[in-house]
Amino acid sequence: MTSAQKPAQSNTTLNNSRSQHILSGFVSGFASSALLQPLDLLKTRIQQSPSSTLRSSWQELLLSDISTAQNTRDSTSKVLRKLWRGTLPSVLRTSVGSGLYFSTLHSMRSYIQKHGASSTTSTTSSVKTSSVLPQIQGYANLLTGSFARGAVGFVMMPVTVLKVRFESSTYVHSSLFQTAKAIYNAHGVRGFFYGFGATFVRDAPYAGIYVWVYEYTKSIAPALLLRSPFAGQLTTVDDASQVLSSPLSVVVNLICAGFSATTAVTLSNPFDTVKTRMQLFPDRYGTNMWTAFAAILREETGMRGLFDGLGLRAVRKGLSSGIAWCLYEEMIRSS
């Protein structure tokens, strides 16, 4: 091979790597979003009003269908369809967003690792991690996760606003086109970015905290497993490092993803509530995040109101993060 051919080969390898990360992120985001849409819909219904609860939101879904149903089978079918209302914008936002997010995050972490800054150098255990992704220091994971999520969040913001409006029972639109038209007629292009401040303050720290905790828990899990009955399932990948076998790595990644998501969700939930209220009721809560915060604290249920939907969001995020990150990591491992 000539020297002129080597750069071309290197570029091709890099492009294939980026394509693989985008595809893996897209598939993992699609799967988690489609499966868990009912939890996301119920979370939106709970957050749309301070008087809404999980029970009242569920009864609203049942009564609105049972009152017009001819038989039990029809009613159940309609309820199931309503639980997946808003799936199209949700899947579009999550799948495309995940592809962009994972690709951006990987590029940033690879750059940091390649140039030596913030690379992990711990040799306290013969097992490094349960994944084959770039390994960098905790603060670098925090910063790269936050930046990547914030940037992708801005790009996908119009889809997010459409998703929230379509899931809510406050607005009755028969199609996404009608929803988009109503937003534009009432607020112009600016309406598609209502709540971005709260979304950014929610998503950027959430992603940073998530990646930090996720990578840290994955780094200590193998050392704990060395003392467990699973130690015999470790396998060598190459001469320089060892990682867990695929079945065991999935278990480790699922547990770490669930724990990390629960931690990050709890800290960021107030901003999720504010974002939902601003997107559903911009005339009442305004376009300033701090004004919306004050309105919720002053006029509604105080601090408790900022944590509306926390239980559902924690369950959904724990499951979706486990599904998305495990699928993503296993697809990258096998590529």
Protein backbone atom coordinates (compact mmCIF):
# COMPACT_ATOMS: atom_id res chain seq x y z
CA MET A 1 0.00 0.00 0.00
CA THR A 2 1.37 3.41 -0.92
CA SER A 3 1.55 6.36 1.46
CA ALA A 4 -1.07 8.15 -0.64
CA GLN A 5 -3.55 5.37 0.02
CA LYS A 6 -3.19 5.38 3.81
CA PRO A 7 -4.92 8.68 4.53
CA ALA A 8 -7.88 7.65 2.38
CA GLN A 9 -8.17 4.42 4.29
CA SER A 10 -7.96 6.29 7.60
CA ASN A 11 -10.72 8.69 6.53
CA THR A 12 -12.92 5.82 5.41
CA THR A 13 -12.46 4.09 8.76
CA LEU A 14 -13.34 7.30 10.60
CA ASN A 15 -16.47 7.87 8.50
CA ASN A 16 -17.58 4.27 9.02
CA SER A 17 -17.09 4.72 12.75
CA ARG A 18 -19.22 7.87 12.81
CA SER A 19 -21.89 6.21 10.69
CA GLN A 20 -21.95 3.22 13.03
CA HIS A 21 -22.39 5.43 16.09
CA ILE A 22 -25.20 7.39 14.42
CA LEU A 23 -26.95 4.17 13.35
CA SER A 24 -26.50 2.52 16.75
CA GLY A 25 -27.82 5.60 18.52
CA PHE A 26 -30.77 5.84 16.12
CA VAL A 27 -31.79 2.19 16.65
CA SER A 28 -31.39 2.32 20.43
CA GLY A 29 -33.33 5.59 20.67
CA PHE A 30 -36.11 4.28 18.43
CA ALA A 31 -36.53 1.09 20.47
CA SER A 32 -36.59 2.77 23.88
CA SER A 33 -38.93 5.56 22.76
CA ALA A 34 -41.48 3.31 21.05
CA LEU A 35 -41.63 0.83 23.93
CA LEU A 36 -41.94 3.42 26.71
CA GLN A 37 -44.19 6.05 25.07
CA PRO A 38 -47.13 5.39 27.47
CA LEU A 39 -44.99 6.41 30.45
CA ASP A 40 -43.93 9.60 28.69
CA LEU A 41 -47.54 10.46 27.80
CA LEU A 42 -48.74 9.94 31.38
CA LYS A 43 -45.85 12.06 32.67
CA THR A 44 -46.88 14.91 30.38
CA ARG A 45 -50.52 14.62 31.52
CA ILE A 46 -49.46 14.79 35.18
CA GLN A 47 -47.27 17.85 34.63
CA GLN A 48 -49.82 19.81 32.60
CA SER A 49 -51.78 20.80 35.72
CA PRO A 50 -50.98 21.04 39.45
CA SER A 51 -54.20 19.10 40.18
CA SER A 52 -53.31 16.20 37.88
CA THR A 53 -52.24 12.88 39.38
CA LEU A 54 -51.38 9.51 37.93
CA ARG A 55 -54.78 8.18 38.96
CA SER A 56 -56.74 11.10 37.48
CA SER A 57 -54.72 11.00 34.26
CA TRP A 58 -55.33 7.29 33.90
CA GLN A 59 -59.06 7.67 34.62
CA GLU A 60 -59.27 10.44 32.04
CA LEU A 61 -57.89 8.07 29.42
CA LEU A 62 -60.34 5.34 30.42
CA LEU A 63 -63.47 7.48 30.72
CA SER A 64 -62.99 9.35 27.48
CA ASP A 65 -62.95 6.03 25.66
CA ILE A 66 -65.38 3.92 27.67
CA SER A 67 -68.09 6.58 27.38
CA THR A 68 -68.22 6.08 23.62
CA ALA A 69 -67.16 2.44 23.34
CA GLN A 70 -69.54 -0.22 22.10
CA ASN A 71 -67.88 -3.06 23.97
CA THR A 72 -64.92 -3.85 26.20
CA ARG A 73 -62.68 -4.87 23.32
CA ASP A 74 -63.22 -1.58 21.46
CA SER A 75 -62.60 0.41 24.64
CA THR A 76 -59.37 -1.42 25.43
CA SER A 77 -58.16 -0.94 21.87
CA LYS A 78 -58.86 2.79 22.01
CA VAL A 79 -57.14 3.19 25.36
CA LEU A 80 -54.06 1.43 24.03
CA ARG A 81 -54.02 3.72 20.99
CA LYS A 82 -54.29 6.75 23.25
CA LEU A 83 -51.40 5.54 25.39
CA TRP A 84 -49.21 5.63 22.29
CA ARG A 85 -50.51 9.04 21.15
CA GLY A 86 -47.59 11.22 20.14
CA THR A 87 -45.38 8.25 19.30
CA LEU A 88 -44.33 9.66 15.93
CA PRO A 89 -42.82 12.94 17.22
CA SER A 90 -41.44 11.12 20.27
CA VAL A 91 -39.73 8.44 18.16
CA LEU A 92 -38.48 11.04 15.68
CA ARG A 93 -37.04 13.20 18.44
CA THR A 94 -35.46 10.35 20.38
CA SER A 95 -34.11 8.28 17.47
CA VAL A 96 -32.61 11.16 15.49
CA GLY A 97 -31.56 12.91 18.70
CA SER A 98 -29.89 9.77 20.06
CA GLY A 99 -28.02 9.21 16.82
CA LEU A 100 -26.69 12.77 16.87
CA TYR A 101 -26.00 12.67 20.62
CA PHE A 102 -24.09 9.39 20.70
CA SER A 103 -22.07 10.33 17.62
CA THR A 104 -21.19 13.78 18.99
CA LEU A 105 -20.39 12.39 22.44
CA HIS A 106 -18.16 9.67 21.01
CA SER A 107 -16.28 12.12 18.79
CA MET A 108 -15.60 14.44 21.73
CA ARG A 109 -14.52 11.65 24.08
CA SER A 110 -12.33 10.06 21.40
CA TYR A 111 -10.62 13.40 20.77
CA ILE A 112 -9.90 13.86 24.48
CA GLN A 113 -8.63 10.30 24.82
CA LYS A 114 -6.50 10.52 21.67
CA HIS A 115 -4.75 13.70 22.76
CA GLY A 116 -3.94 12.29 26.17
CA ALA A 117 -5.78 14.85 28.27
CA SER A 118 -8.12 13.37 30.86
CA SER A 119 -7.48 9.77 29.80
CA THR A 120 -7.96 7.22 32.55
CA THR A 121 -4.80 5.47 33.56
CA SER A 122 -5.93 3.43 36.52
CA THR A 123 -4.40 0.00 36.76
CA THR A 124 -5.86 -1.02 40.11
CA SER A 125 -7.87 -3.79 38.47
CA SER A 126 -7.14 -6.21 35.67
CA VAL A 127 -10.62 -5.46 34.35
CA LYS A 128 -11.17 -1.95 33.06
CA THR A 129 -14.83 -1.67 32.15
CA SER A 130 -17.90 -3.40 30.81
CA SER A 131 -17.75 -1.44 27.53
CA VAL A 132 -15.38 -0.73 24.66
CA LEU A 133 -16.13 3.02 24.51
CA PRO A 134 -13.47 5.72 25.10
CA GLN A 135 -12.44 6.06 28.74
CA ILE A 136 -11.78 9.55 30.13
CA GLN A 137 -11.83 11.24 33.53
CA GLY A 138 -15.04 12.05 35.39
CA TYR A 139 -15.05 15.80 34.89
CA ALA A 140 -14.46 15.30 31.14
CA ASN A 141 -17.45 12.94 31.00
CA LEU A 142 -19.52 15.60 32.77
CA LEU A 143 -18.52 18.34 30.32
CA THR A 144 -18.79 16.32 27.11
CA GLY A 145 -22.15 14.83 28.11
CA SER A 146 -23.55 18.27 28.94
CA PHE A 147 -22.29 19.95 25.77
CA ALA A 148 -23.42 17.18 23.42
CA ARG A 149 -26.91 17.00 24.94
CA GLY A 150 -27.36 20.78 24.98
CA ALA A 151 -26.39 21.15 21.32
CA VAL A 152 -28.58 18.28 20.13
CA GLY A 153 -31.45 19.54 22.31
CA PHE A 154 -31.47 22.87 20.49
CA VAL A 155 -31.58 21.18 17.08
CA MET A 156 -34.46 18.92 18.13
CA MET A 157 -36.42 21.56 20.09
CA PRO A 158 -39.22 22.09 17.51
CA VAL A 159 -39.96 18.35 17.53
CA THR A 160 -39.98 18.39 21.35
CA VAL A 161 -42.60 21.17 21.42
CA LEU A 162 -44.76 19.29 18.89
CA LYS A 163 -44.46 16.12 20.98
CA VAL A 164 -45.56 17.79 24.23
CA ARG A 165 -48.52 19.57 22.59
CA PHE A 166 -49.67 16.40 20.84
CA GLU A 167 -49.45 14.30 24.04
CA SER A 168 -51.35 16.83 26.15
CA SER A 169 -55.12 16.64 26.64
CA THR A 170 -55.26 20.45 26.73
CA TYR A 171 -54.95 20.74 22.95
CA VAL A 172 -57.01 18.60 20.60
CA HIS A 173 -55.31 18.24 17.22
CA SER A 174 -55.94 15.41 14.80
CA SER A 175 -52.47 15.54 13.23
CA LEU A 176 -48.97 16.84 13.73
CA PHE A 177 -49.50 19.25 10.85
CA GLN A 178 -52.46 20.83 12.66
CA THR A 179 -50.39 21.07 15.83
CA ALA A 180 -47.52 22.77 14.00
CA LYS A 181 -49.92 25.13 12.23
CA ALA A 182 -51.60 26.11 15.51
CA ILE A 183 -48.27 26.85 17.18
CA TYR A 184 -47.06 28.94 14.25
CA ASN A 185 -50.30 30.90 13.95
CA ALA A 186 -50.30 31.73 17.67
CA HIS A 187 -46.61 32.34 18.34
CA GLY A 188 -44.67 32.23 15.07
CA VAL A 189 -41.34 30.43 14.74
CA ARG A 190 -40.49 31.44 18.30
CA GLY A 191 -43.26 29.16 19.56
CA PHE A 192 -41.30 26.08 18.48
CA PHE A 193 -38.56 27.02 20.93
CA TYR A 194 -40.67 27.82 24.00
CA GLY A 195 -39.17 26.19 27.06
CA PHE A 196 -35.68 25.81 25.58
CA GLY A 197 -34.06 27.55 28.55
CA ALA A 198 -35.65 25.09 30.99
CA THR A 199 -34.96 22.22 28.58
CA PHE A 200 -31.28 23.15 28.33
CA VAL A 201 -30.91 23.56 32.10
CA ARG A 202 -32.61 20.18 32.50
CA ASP A 203 -30.94 18.22 29.71
CA ALA A 204 -27.36 19.48 29.79
CA PRO A 205 -26.77 18.83 33.53
CA TYR A 206 -28.83 15.63 33.30
CA ALA A 207 -26.66 14.23 30.51
CA GLY A 208 -23.45 15.37 32.18
CA ILE A 209 -24.38 13.84 35.53
CA TYR A 210 -25.66 10.71 33.81
CA VAL A 211 -22.49 10.07 31.79
CA TRP A 212 -20.30 10.84 34.80
CA VAL A 213 -22.15 8.49 37.17
CA TYR A 214 -22.64 5.84 34.46
CA GLU A 215 -18.97 5.63 33.58
CA TYR A 216 -17.89 5.75 37.23
CA THR A 217 -20.22 2.93 38.30
CA LYS A 218 -19.07 0.87 35.30
CA SER A 219 -15.46 1.40 36.34
CA ILE A 220 -15.98 0.02 39.85
CA ALA A 221 -18.47 -2.75 38.98
CA PRO A 222 -15.87 -5.12 37.44
CA ALA A 223 -13.68 -4.92 40.57
CA LEU A 224 -16.70 -5.94 42.65
CA LEU A 225 -17.53 -8.74 40.22
CA LEU A 226 -14.03 -10.16 40.60
CA ARG A 227 -15.04 -11.14 44.13
CA SER A 228 -18.33 -12.66 42.96
CA PRO A 229 -19.33 -15.97 41.35
CA PHE A 230 -19.35 -14.17 37.97
CA ALA A 231 -15.57 -13.75 37.96
CA GLY A 232 -15.16 -16.80 35.74
CA GLN A 233 -17.14 -15.15 32.96
CA LEU A 234 -14.49 -12.50 32.27
CA THR A 235 -12.93 -12.73 28.85
CA THR A 236 -9.89 -11.13 27.24
CA VAL A 237 -10.58 -8.86 24.28
CA ASP A 238 -6.97 -8.02 23.44
CA ASP A 239 -3.54 -8.04 25.01
CA ALA A 240 -3.92 -4.59 26.52
CA SER A 241 -7.30 -4.79 28.24
CA GLN A 242 -10.02 -7.05 29.57
CA VAL A 243 -13.77 -6.48 29.48
CA LEU A 244 -16.73 -8.49 30.66
CA SER A 245 -18.32 -11.06 28.41
CA SER A 246 -21.31 -9.77 26.47
CA PRO A 247 -24.11 -11.32 28.61
CA LEU A 248 -22.56 -10.04 31.83
CA SER A 249 -21.71 -6.64 30.39
CA VAL A 250 -25.39 -6.17 29.52
CA VAL A 251 -26.38 -6.82 33.15
CA VAL A 252 -23.73 -4.42 34.45
CA ASN A 253 -24.66 -1.71 31.94
CA LEU A 254 -28.38 -2.07 32.71
CA ILE A 255 -27.84 -1.68 36.44
CA CYS A 256 -25.44 1.23 36.03
CA ALA A 257 -27.75 2.94 33.52
CA GLY A 258 -30.77 2.62 35.81
CA PHE A 259 -28.91 3.98 38.84
CA SER A 260 -27.37 6.84 36.87
CA ALA A 261 -30.67 7.83 35.27
CA THR A 262 -32.51 7.85 38.61
CA THR A 263 -29.84 10.08 40.14
CA ALA A 264 -29.82 12.53 37.24
CA VAL A 265 -33.63 12.58 36.89
CA THR A 266 -34.17 13.49 40.54
CA LEU A 267 -31.80 16.46 40.31
CA SER A 268 -33.22 17.76 37.01
CA ASN A 269 -36.98 17.13 37.44
CA PRO A 270 -37.91 20.71 38.50
CA PHE A 271 -36.69 21.96 35.12
CA ASP A 272 -38.69 19.26 33.33
CA THR A 273 -41.88 20.45 35.05
CA VAL A 274 -41.16 24.10 34.19
CA LYS A 275 -40.39 23.17 30.56
CA THR A 276 -43.69 21.30 30.17
CA ARG A 277 -45.76 24.14 31.67
CA MET A 278 -44.05 26.75 29.46
CA GLN A 279 -44.65 24.69 26.32
CA LEU A 280 -48.30 24.00 27.10
CA PHE A 281 -49.27 27.40 28.57
CA PRO A 282 -46.88 30.09 27.25
CA ASP A 283 -49.48 32.83 27.85
CA ARG A 284 -49.75 31.94 31.54
CA TYR A 285 -46.16 31.06 32.41
CA GLY A 286 -44.43 33.35 29.92
CA THR A 287 -41.21 32.69 28.06
CA ASN A 288 -38.83 33.29 30.96
CA MET A 289 -37.80 30.18 32.86
CA TRP A 290 -37.35 31.95 36.20
CA THR A 291 -40.74 33.66 35.91
CA ALA A 292 -42.31 30.25 35.37
CA PHE A 293 -40.42 28.88 38.39
CA ALA A 294 -41.75 31.70 40.56
CA ALA A 295 -45.31 31.19 39.31
CA ILE A 296 -45.29 27.50 40.19
CA LEU A 297 -43.80 28.13 43.63
CA ARG A 298 -46.10 31.05 44.42
CA GLU A 299 -49.42 30.04 42.88
CA GLU A 300 -49.44 26.27 43.06
CA THR A 301 -48.07 23.64 45.45
CA GLY A 302 -44.65 25.09 46.17
CA MET A 303 -41.58 22.88 45.89
CA ARG A 304 -43.73 19.77 45.64
CA GLY A 305 -45.15 21.03 42.37
CA LEU A 306 -41.69 21.11 40.82
CA PHE A 307 -41.44 17.35 41.27
CA ASP A 308 -44.69 16.45 39.53
CA GLY A 309 -44.21 13.31 37.45
CA LEU A 310 -40.90 12.40 39.12
CA GLY A 311 -41.87 8.78 39.73
CA LEU A 312 -42.96 8.12 36.15
CA ARG A 313 -40.01 10.04 34.72
CA ALA A 314 -37.55 8.12 36.91
CA VAL A 315 -39.04 4.77 35.85
CA ARG A 316 -39.14 5.75 32.20
CA LYS A 317 -35.65 7.23 32.16
CA GLY A 318 -34.20 4.27 34.04
CA LEU A 319 -35.72 1.82 31.56
CA SER A 320 -35.05 3.91 28.46
CA SER A 321 -31.44 4.59 29.45
CA GLY A 322 -30.88 0.91 30.12
CA ILE A 323 -32.39 -0.10 26.77
CA ALA A 324 -30.73 2.68 24.76
CA TRP A 325 -27.23 2.47 26.21
CA CYS A 326 -27.13 -1.34 26.27
CA LEU A 327 -28.29 -1.60 22.65
CA TYR A 328 -25.87 1.13 21.64
CA GLU A 329 -22.88 -0.40 23.40
CA GLU A 330 -23.62 -3.93 22.18
CA MET A 331 -24.04 -2.73 18.58
CA ILE A 332 -20.72 -0.87 18.79
CA ARG A 333 -19.07 -3.92 20.38
CA SER A 334 -20.22 -6.18 17.54
CA SER A 335 -19.39 -3.74 14.73
